[in-house]
Amino acid sequence: MSTSTERVVPSSARTGAGPDAVAAPDPRRWAALAIIAIAQLMIVLDATIVNIALPTMQTALHISEVNKQWVIRTSSG
């Protein structure tokens, strides 16, 4: 054990902020939210396009029900 009487002071106390001080939110959080929202929109849009085009694809390509299910499964991830 150290016999030093030096006290550890939290960094918030050194900067003059109180113990209940809250750090400012990162301004890039809105950009991250926008990117995530656009990515989710693209995923849903892709699934919608495949499901709408599926009957025409099945007729034009002469695919079976099993292959139709395979197309749905592979397009959804």
Protein backbone atom coordinates (compact mmCIF):
# COMPACT_ATOMS: atom_id res chain seq x y z
CA MET A 1 0.00 0.00 0.00
CA SER A 2 1.08 3.48 -0.75
CA THR A 3 1.26 5.98 2.07
CA SER A 4 0.68 8.86 -0.29
CA THR A 5 -2.21 11.16 0.55
CA GLU A 6 -2.70 12.10 -3.07
CA ARG A 7 -6.34 11.98 -4.04
CA VAL A 8 -7.57 10.71 -7.39
CA VAL A 9 -9.76 13.33 -9.01
CA PRO A 10 -12.17 12.37 -11.83
CA SER A 11 -11.58 14.11 -15.14
CA SER A 12 -15.02 15.77 -14.97
CA ALA A 13 -14.01 17.50 -11.76
CA ARG A 14 -10.78 18.73 -13.31
CA THR A 15 -12.58 20.35 -16.24
CA GLY A 16 -15.00 22.19 -14.01
CA ALA A 17 -18.01 20.04 -14.88
CA GLY A 18 -20.07 18.61 -12.06
CA PRO A 19 -20.39 14.91 -11.27
CA ASP A 20 -23.72 14.80 -13.13
CA ALA A 21 -22.27 16.31 -16.31
CA VAL A 22 -23.28 14.54 -19.52
CA ALA A 23 -20.98 14.37 -22.49
CA ALA A 24 -22.25 16.09 -25.63
CA PRO A 25 -23.75 13.64 -28.15
CA ASP A 26 -21.66 12.85 -31.18
CA PRO A 27 -22.84 15.01 -34.12
CA ARG A 28 -22.14 12.13 -36.52
CA ARG A 29 -24.93 10.05 -35.00
CA TRP A 30 -27.48 11.51 -37.45
CA ALA A 31 -25.29 10.60 -40.41
CA ALA A 32 -24.99 7.05 -39.09
CA LEU A 33 -28.75 6.85 -38.59
CA ALA A 34 -29.33 8.08 -42.16
CA ILE A 35 -26.95 5.46 -43.59
CA ILE A 36 -28.61 2.66 -41.62
CA ALA A 37 -32.09 3.84 -42.65
CA ILE A 38 -31.13 4.01 -46.34
CA ALA A 39 -29.55 0.53 -46.17
CA GLN A 40 -32.71 -0.89 -44.59
CA LEU A 41 -34.83 0.81 -47.24
CA MET A 42 -32.73 -0.77 -50.00
CA ILE A 43 -33.13 -4.24 -48.47
CA VAL A 44 -36.92 -3.90 -48.24
CA LEU A 45 -37.12 -2.40 -51.73
CA ASP A 46 -35.08 -5.25 -53.20
CA ALA A 47 -37.32 -7.88 -51.58
CA THR A 48 -40.42 -6.07 -52.84
CA ILE A 49 -39.12 -5.90 -56.41
CA VAL A 50 -38.26 -9.61 -56.42
CA ASN A 51 -41.67 -10.58 -55.06
CA ILE A 52 -43.50 -8.42 -57.60
CA ALA A 53 -41.42 -9.72 -60.52
CA LEU A 54 -41.53 -13.36 -59.46
CA PRO A 55 -44.64 -14.46 -61.41
CA THR A 56 -43.29 -12.94 -64.61
CA MET A 57 -39.87 -14.49 -64.00
CA GLN A 58 -41.47 -17.88 -63.40
CA THR A 59 -43.41 -17.69 -66.67
CA ALA A 60 -40.57 -16.31 -68.78
CA LEU A 61 -37.89 -18.63 -67.43
CA HIS A 62 -40.14 -21.70 -67.05
CA ILE A 63 -39.01 -22.35 -63.49
CA SER A 64 -40.73 -24.70 -61.06
CA GLU A 65 -42.19 -23.91 -57.65
CA VAL A 66 -39.04 -25.26 -55.99
CA ASN A 67 -36.85 -22.95 -58.03
CA LYS A 68 -39.22 -20.08 -57.27
CA GLN A 69 -38.71 -20.71 -53.56
CA TRP A 70 -34.96 -20.81 -54.15
CA VAL A 71 -35.11 -17.37 -55.81
CA ILE A 72 -37.03 -15.97 -52.83
CA ARG A 73 -34.60 -17.48 -50.34
CA THR A 74 -31.45 -16.29 -52.09
CA SER A 75 -32.75 -12.77 -52.62
CA SER A 76 -33.67 -12.36 -48.97
CA GLY A 77 -30.21 -12.98 -47.71
